[in-house]
Amino acid sequence: MTHVAPKPQHDDELLEYRLALRLGPVHARQRLGIEREFESRLVDPGGHFCHVEKWYSLHGLIRGCLRLSGLLGRAQNNARRMRTVEHRFVVPHLPEAFEGFRILHLTDLHVDMDAPMLEAIIKHVEGIDYDLCVLTGDYRKLTWGPIEASLEGMRRLRRVLRGTPLAVLGNHDSIRMLPPLEDMGYQVLLNEHTAIERDGSHLYVAGVDDAHFYKVDNLQRAAEGIPNGKATLLLSHTPEIWRQAAHAGYDLFLCGHTHGGQICLPGGIPVLLDADCPRFVGKGPWQHAGMQGYTSCGAGTSMVHARLNCPPEVNLHTLTRGTG
């Protein structure tokens, strides 16, 4: 007789069942288990602070300093002034069918952080012309707790996004968000890839699970099945795997996480990036070992709804062969 798995009876069982079917039982158990541990403590076993968001005294200190300096109102308004930053990637072996291909890159939206900010993002994105939308994580305000408000924000955003948006999860995002995001029509890549087809040619887009908190990224698994020599794009929440990705042979790398510093010194110099990586990959375009990368400042805010000397951005990347 053929064995049939018992039907889940409770919400937690249903979640674990869906995640096991979608990710495989090992990845599902790993991501859920690590997430539950992180949600229960402030400091992880390695001594890293898991939830700076729980330091409410720090939030108050930052807001207090901005208020005393007379910059709080300005910084909050800055966070709602969206801009499009355009960038050009030259990929000599790009298939001719993808010449001029435009990629809308959204990251660090934190859609439940501030309602006017989300409205500004939605209105801004509606007016952009693009061929593919990609999202590189951090859709939720906090790194713990409820997910309903962030899912509602992502549902509102999905209504204005054309085609099938490709996404990865960030360190703020619960794995519990995966099934509802996919039910909305986002294609979430967790150590996986997909092929974008145009006139018989392909651009391969891979995505890894979070490499910052959860350390569950797997570049090898994400690339399995991609033919050698083909044009490839990697989506990661954080730039922290820049070196590994370059030597894995990816052509392009899109990420966020750093917010560009969010509150910066004059000239846009970041005070903190909250990422274990050199500063040259912490903001804007960069290159390493033949791979081209772009670390977006992101459209949202984290911890404190404020930006100084670091405007929010959505990114429009144009791919070209660089000939003619």
Protein backbone atom coordinates (compact mmCIF):
# COMPACT_ATOMS: atom_id res chain seq x y z
CA MET A 1 0.00 0.00 0.00
CA THR A 2 1.11 3.56 -0.70
CA HIS A 3 1.81 5.51 2.49
CA VAL A 4 -0.06 8.81 2.71
CA ALA A 5 1.23 11.48 5.11
CA PRO A 6 -1.37 12.42 7.72
CA LYS A 7 -3.15 15.69 7.09
CA PRO A 8 -1.96 18.45 9.48
CA GLN A 9 -4.53 19.28 12.17
CA HIS A 10 -3.23 22.63 13.56
CA ASP A 11 -1.81 25.88 12.17
CA ASP A 12 1.74 25.10 13.33
CA GLU A 13 1.56 21.63 11.84
CA LEU A 14 0.22 23.04 8.58
CA LEU A 15 3.04 25.59 8.42
CA GLU A 16 5.70 22.96 9.03
CA TYR A 17 4.05 20.67 6.49
CA ARG A 18 4.00 23.38 3.79
CA LEU A 19 7.57 24.45 4.53
CA ALA A 20 8.82 20.86 4.40
CA LEU A 21 7.15 20.37 1.02
CA ARG A 22 8.50 23.67 -0.28
CA LEU A 23 12.05 23.72 1.14
CA GLY A 24 12.72 20.14 2.11
CA PRO A 25 12.47 18.92 5.70
CA VAL A 26 16.06 19.77 6.69
CA HIS A 27 16.01 23.41 5.55
CA ALA A 28 12.53 23.86 7.01
CA ARG A 29 13.52 22.49 10.42
CA GLN A 30 16.76 24.48 10.42
CA ARG A 31 15.16 27.83 9.56
CA LEU A 32 12.25 27.38 11.97
CA GLY A 33 14.47 26.18 14.79
CA ILE A 34 17.03 28.99 14.49
CA GLU A 35 14.26 31.57 14.20
CA ARG A 36 12.56 30.34 17.35
CA GLU A 37 15.84 30.50 19.25
CA PHE A 38 16.56 34.03 18.02
CA GLU A 39 13.08 35.20 18.98
CA SER A 40 13.63 34.03 22.55
CA ARG A 41 16.92 35.80 23.31
CA LEU A 42 18.69 39.10 22.88
CA VAL A 43 22.20 37.72 22.33
CA ASP A 44 22.96 34.68 20.19
CA PRO A 45 25.46 31.96 21.20
CA GLY A 46 28.21 33.76 19.26
CA GLY A 47 27.75 36.94 21.29
CA HIS A 48 26.00 38.87 18.52
CA PHE A 49 23.02 41.06 19.35
CA CYS A 50 19.99 39.52 17.65
CA HIS A 51 17.39 42.18 18.27
CA VAL A 52 18.71 45.70 18.41
CA GLU A 53 15.03 46.63 17.91
CA LYS A 54 14.40 45.50 21.52
CA TRP A 55 16.80 48.15 22.82
CA TYR A 56 14.06 50.73 23.24
CA SER A 57 16.46 52.96 25.18
CA LEU A 58 18.68 53.10 22.07
CA HIS A 59 15.71 54.08 19.93
CA GLY A 60 14.90 56.84 22.38
CA LEU A 61 18.51 58.01 22.46
CA ILE A 62 18.65 58.34 18.67
CA ARG A 63 15.32 60.16 18.53
CA GLY A 64 16.35 62.37 21.43
CA CYS A 65 19.60 63.37 19.76
CA LEU A 66 17.77 64.17 16.53
CA ARG A 67 15.14 66.16 18.42
CA LEU A 68 17.72 68.15 20.40
CA SER A 69 19.60 68.96 17.22
CA GLY A 70 16.38 70.10 15.55
CA LEU A 71 16.74 67.43 12.85
CA LEU A 72 14.02 64.93 13.80
CA GLY A 73 11.24 66.37 11.64
CA ARG A 74 13.57 66.80 8.69
CA ALA A 75 14.92 63.26 9.09
CA GLN A 76 11.41 61.79 9.19
CA ASN A 77 10.35 63.71 6.09
CA ASN A 78 13.52 62.60 4.31
CA ALA A 79 12.48 58.97 4.83
CA ARG A 80 9.33 59.51 2.73
CA ARG A 81 11.01 61.22 -0.23
CA MET A 82 11.53 58.33 -2.62
CA ARG A 83 13.93 58.55 -5.53
CA THR A 84 14.92 56.24 -8.37
CA VAL A 85 18.64 55.59 -8.67
CA GLU A 86 19.58 54.23 -12.09
CA HIS A 87 22.59 52.04 -12.74
CA ARG A 88 24.05 50.25 -15.76
CA PHE A 89 25.59 46.78 -15.70
CA VAL A 90 27.80 45.85 -18.67
CA VAL A 91 27.72 42.07 -19.25
CA PRO A 92 29.60 41.17 -22.47
CA HIS A 93 28.11 37.66 -22.70
CA LEU A 94 24.56 38.87 -22.07
CA PRO A 95 22.22 37.34 -24.68
CA GLU A 96 21.27 39.87 -27.34
CA ALA A 97 17.60 39.41 -26.44
CA PHE A 98 18.32 40.95 -23.01
CA GLU A 99 20.01 44.10 -24.32
CA GLY A 100 18.45 47.00 -22.40
CA PHE A 101 16.68 44.68 -19.92
CA ARG A 102 15.55 46.75 -16.92
CA ILE A 103 15.44 45.38 -13.38
CA LEU A 104 13.54 47.19 -10.63
CA HIS A 105 15.27 46.45 -7.34
CA LEU A 106 13.39 46.99 -4.06
CA THR A 107 14.89 46.23 -0.67
CA ASP A 108 14.55 46.89 3.06
CA LEU A 109 10.97 48.07 2.69
CA HIS A 110 9.93 47.48 6.33
CA VAL A 111 6.39 48.05 5.11
CA ASP A 112 4.82 48.14 8.60
CA MET A 113 7.23 50.80 9.90
CA ASP A 114 5.39 53.92 8.69
CA ALA A 115 2.13 54.11 6.69
CA PRO A 116 3.00 57.31 4.74
CA MET A 117 6.36 55.79 3.79
CA LEU A 118 4.67 52.69 2.35
CA GLU A 119 2.24 54.89 0.44
CA ALA A 120 5.18 56.86 -0.96
CA ILE A 121 6.89 53.64 -2.09
CA ILE A 122 3.72 52.36 -3.80
CA LYS A 123 3.06 55.64 -5.62
CA HIS A 124 6.69 55.91 -6.71
CA VAL A 125 6.91 52.34 -8.03
CA GLU A 126 3.69 52.71 -10.03
CA GLY A 127 5.36 55.20 -12.35
CA ILE A 128 8.46 53.14 -13.22
CA ASP A 129 8.84 51.12 -16.42
CA TYR A 130 10.75 47.85 -15.99
CA ASP A 131 10.99 44.27 -17.26
CA LEU A 132 11.53 42.42 -13.98
CA CYS A 133 11.07 43.32 -10.32
CA VAL A 134 13.34 41.79 -7.66
CA LEU A 135 13.14 42.25 -3.89
CA THR A 136 16.01 41.51 -1.51
CA GLY A 137 14.39 41.16 1.87
CA ASP A 138 13.47 42.86 5.13
CA TYR A 139 9.76 43.38 4.59
CA ARG A 140 8.92 43.36 8.32
CA LYS A 141 9.63 46.15 10.83
CA LEU A 142 10.92 43.93 13.64
CA THR A 143 13.01 40.77 13.65
CA TRP A 144 10.47 39.00 15.86
CA GLY A 145 6.77 38.87 16.64
CA PRO A 146 3.64 39.14 14.48
CA ILE A 147 3.77 39.05 10.69
CA GLU A 148 0.23 40.16 9.78
CA ALA A 149 0.95 43.90 9.34
CA SER A 150 3.97 43.28 7.13
CA LEU A 151 2.01 40.79 5.02
CA GLU A 152 -0.76 43.33 4.51
CA GLY A 153 1.80 45.88 3.37
CA MET A 154 3.34 43.39 0.95
CA ARG A 155 -0.14 42.58 -0.35
CA ARG A 156 -0.76 46.27 -1.09
CA LEU A 157 2.58 46.56 -2.84
CA ARG A 158 1.97 43.42 -4.89
CA ARG A 159 -1.07 45.04 -6.53
CA VAL A 160 1.13 47.59 -8.30
CA LEU A 161 4.01 45.28 -9.28
CA ARG A 162 3.90 43.92 -12.83
CA GLY A 163 4.79 40.37 -13.80
CA THR A 164 6.06 37.89 -11.23
CA PRO A 165 8.34 39.59 -8.68
CA LEU A 166 11.33 37.52 -7.55
CA ALA A 167 12.23 37.82 -3.87
CA VAL A 168 14.48 36.57 -1.10
CA LEU A 169 13.99 36.82 2.66
CA GLY A 170 16.04 39.03 4.99
CA ASN A 171 17.00 38.82 8.64
CA HIS A 172 13.82 40.70 9.65
CA ASP A 173 11.62 38.21 7.80
CA SER A 174 10.09 35.17 9.42
CA ILE A 175 10.02 31.94 7.45
CA ARG A 176 6.33 31.94 8.42
CA MET A 177 5.92 34.66 5.78
CA LEU A 178 6.95 32.34 2.93
CA PRO A 179 3.62 30.59 2.20
CA PRO A 180 1.49 33.78 2.26
CA LEU A 181 4.01 35.71 0.16
CA GLU A 182 3.95 32.98 -2.46
CA ASP A 183 0.17 32.85 -2.27
CA MET A 184 0.19 36.58 -3.17
CA GLY A 185 2.22 35.91 -6.31
CA TYR A 186 5.77 36.63 -5.17
CA GLN A 187 8.25 33.96 -6.29
CA VAL A 188 10.57 33.54 -3.32
CA LEU A 189 13.99 32.06 -4.09
CA LEU A 190 15.55 30.30 -1.10
CA ASN A 191 18.81 28.73 -2.29
CA GLU A 192 17.15 28.28 -5.70
CA HIS A 193 17.20 29.79 -9.17
CA THR A 194 14.83 30.48 -12.02
CA ALA A 195 15.37 31.22 -15.70
CA ILE A 196 13.96 34.34 -17.36
CA GLU A 197 13.29 33.53 -21.04
CA ARG A 198 13.36 35.96 -23.97
CA ASP A 199 13.31 34.86 -27.60
CA GLY A 200 14.80 31.50 -26.70
CA SER A 201 17.61 33.00 -24.59
CA HIS A 202 17.85 32.97 -20.80
CA LEU A 203 18.99 35.06 -17.87
CA TYR A 204 19.42 32.96 -14.73
CA VAL A 205 18.37 34.55 -11.43
CA ALA A 206 19.39 32.80 -8.19
CA GLY A 207 18.46 33.73 -4.64
CA VAL A 208 19.80 32.66 -1.25
CA ASP A 209 18.18 32.53 2.15
CA ASP A 210 19.38 35.01 4.79
CA ALA A 211 23.15 35.05 5.34
CA HIS A 212 23.15 37.62 8.16
CA PHE A 213 21.19 36.28 11.17
CA TYR A 214 20.29 32.78 10.13
CA LYS A 215 23.36 31.79 8.08
CA VAL A 216 21.22 29.48 5.95
CA ASP A 217 22.48 30.65 2.56
CA ASN A 218 23.67 27.96 0.15
CA LEU A 219 25.32 29.30 -3.00
CA GLN A 220 26.06 25.85 -4.39
CA ARG A 221 22.47 24.68 -4.13
CA ALA A 222 21.21 27.96 -5.60
CA ALA A 223 23.39 27.48 -8.70
CA GLU A 224 22.74 23.77 -9.28
CA GLY A 225 21.56 23.28 -12.85
CA ILE A 226 22.67 26.65 -14.23
CA PRO A 227 24.66 25.94 -17.43
CA ASN A 228 28.26 27.17 -17.50
CA GLY A 229 28.89 30.46 -19.23
CA LYS A 230 25.34 31.77 -18.96
CA ALA A 231 24.49 35.24 -17.65
CA THR A 232 23.67 35.01 -13.95
CA LEU A 233 22.26 37.32 -11.29
CA LEU A 234 22.35 36.55 -7.57
CA LEU A 235 19.88 38.02 -5.08
CA SER A 236 20.99 38.16 -1.45
CA HIS A 237 19.63 40.21 1.40
CA THR A 238 23.10 41.14 2.64
CA PRO A 239 26.41 41.90 0.89
CA GLU A 240 28.26 39.81 3.48
CA ILE A 241 28.70 36.87 1.08
CA TRP A 242 30.27 39.06 -1.62
CA ARG A 243 33.54 37.12 -1.79
CA GLN A 244 31.94 33.66 -1.88
CA ALA A 245 29.47 34.76 -4.55
CA ALA A 246 32.19 36.22 -6.76
CA HIS A 247 34.24 33.02 -6.68
CA ALA A 248 31.12 30.95 -7.27
CA GLY A 249 31.00 32.58 -10.70
CA TYR A 250 27.99 34.89 -10.55
CA ASP A 251 28.07 37.86 -12.92
CA LEU A 252 25.85 40.23 -10.97
CA PHE A 253 24.94 40.57 -7.29
CA LEU A 254 22.06 42.64 -5.90
CA CYS A 255 21.53 43.16 -2.17
CA GLY A 256 20.59 45.61 0.56
CA HIS A 257 20.51 45.26 4.37
CA THR A 258 22.87 48.15 5.19
CA HIS A 259 20.38 50.97 4.42
CA GLY A 260 23.49 52.80 3.24
CA GLY A 261 23.94 53.73 6.90
CA GLN A 262 20.49 55.43 7.04
CA ILE A 263 21.77 58.19 9.35
CA CYS A 264 25.00 59.37 7.77
CA LEU A 265 27.57 62.10 8.14
CA PRO A 266 27.62 64.93 5.58
CA GLY A 267 28.64 63.57 2.21
CA GLY A 268 26.69 60.36 2.82
CA ILE A 269 29.42 58.75 4.93
CA PRO A 270 27.84 55.87 6.93
CA VAL A 271 28.37 55.80 10.67
CA LEU A 272 27.31 52.15 10.91
CA LEU A 273 26.41 49.53 8.29
CA ASP A 274 25.45 46.62 10.61
CA ALA A 275 27.15 44.13 8.30
CA ASP A 276 30.31 42.05 8.50
CA CYS A 277 31.82 43.32 5.26
CA PRO A 278 34.26 45.96 4.02
CA ARG A 279 32.86 49.41 3.39
CA PHE A 280 33.44 49.27 -0.35
CA VAL A 281 30.57 46.77 -0.68
CA GLY A 282 28.38 48.55 1.86
CA LYS A 283 26.70 51.05 -0.43
CA GLY A 284 26.20 51.58 -4.16
CA PRO A 285 28.05 49.87 -7.05
CA TRP A 286 31.17 47.78 -6.56
CA GLN A 287 33.19 44.99 -8.22
CA HIS A 288 35.18 41.98 -7.06
CA ALA A 289 36.88 39.15 -8.97
CA GLY A 290 34.91 39.82 -12.14
CA MET A 291 31.53 40.07 -10.39
CA GLN A 292 29.62 43.36 -10.38
CA GLY A 293 27.51 44.22 -7.37
CA TYR A 294 25.12 46.85 -6.13
CA THR A 295 24.19 47.40 -2.49
CA SER A 296 21.04 49.49 -2.31
CA CYS A 297 20.37 52.06 0.41
CA GLY A 298 16.82 50.69 0.42
CA ALA A 299 13.43 52.32 0.42
CA GLY A 300 12.47 51.85 4.07
CA THR A 301 13.85 52.57 7.52
CA SER A 302 14.82 50.37 10.44
CA MET A 303 14.82 50.95 14.21
CA VAL A 304 14.04 54.68 13.95
CA HIS A 305 11.96 56.19 11.15
CA ALA A 306 14.53 58.77 10.10
CA ARG A 307 17.14 59.37 7.39
CA LEU A 308 19.95 61.91 7.23
CA ASN A 309 22.36 62.39 4.33
CA CYS A 310 21.15 59.06 2.93
CA PRO A 311 17.92 59.34 0.92
CA PRO A 312 15.69 56.29 0.42
CA GLU A 313 15.99 54.71 -3.00
CA VAL A 314 14.52 52.22 -5.40
CA ASN A 315 16.92 51.06 -8.07
CA LEU A 316 16.54 50.61 -11.79
CA HIS A 317 19.34 48.51 -13.24
CA THR A 318 19.77 48.31 -17.02
CA LEU A 319 21.65 45.36 -18.50
CA THR A 320 23.73 45.87 -21.63
CA ARG A 321 26.30 43.97 -23.65
CA GLY A 322 28.33 47.15 -23.89
CA THR A 323 28.67 47.02 -27.68
CA GLY A 324 27.58 49.64 -30.18
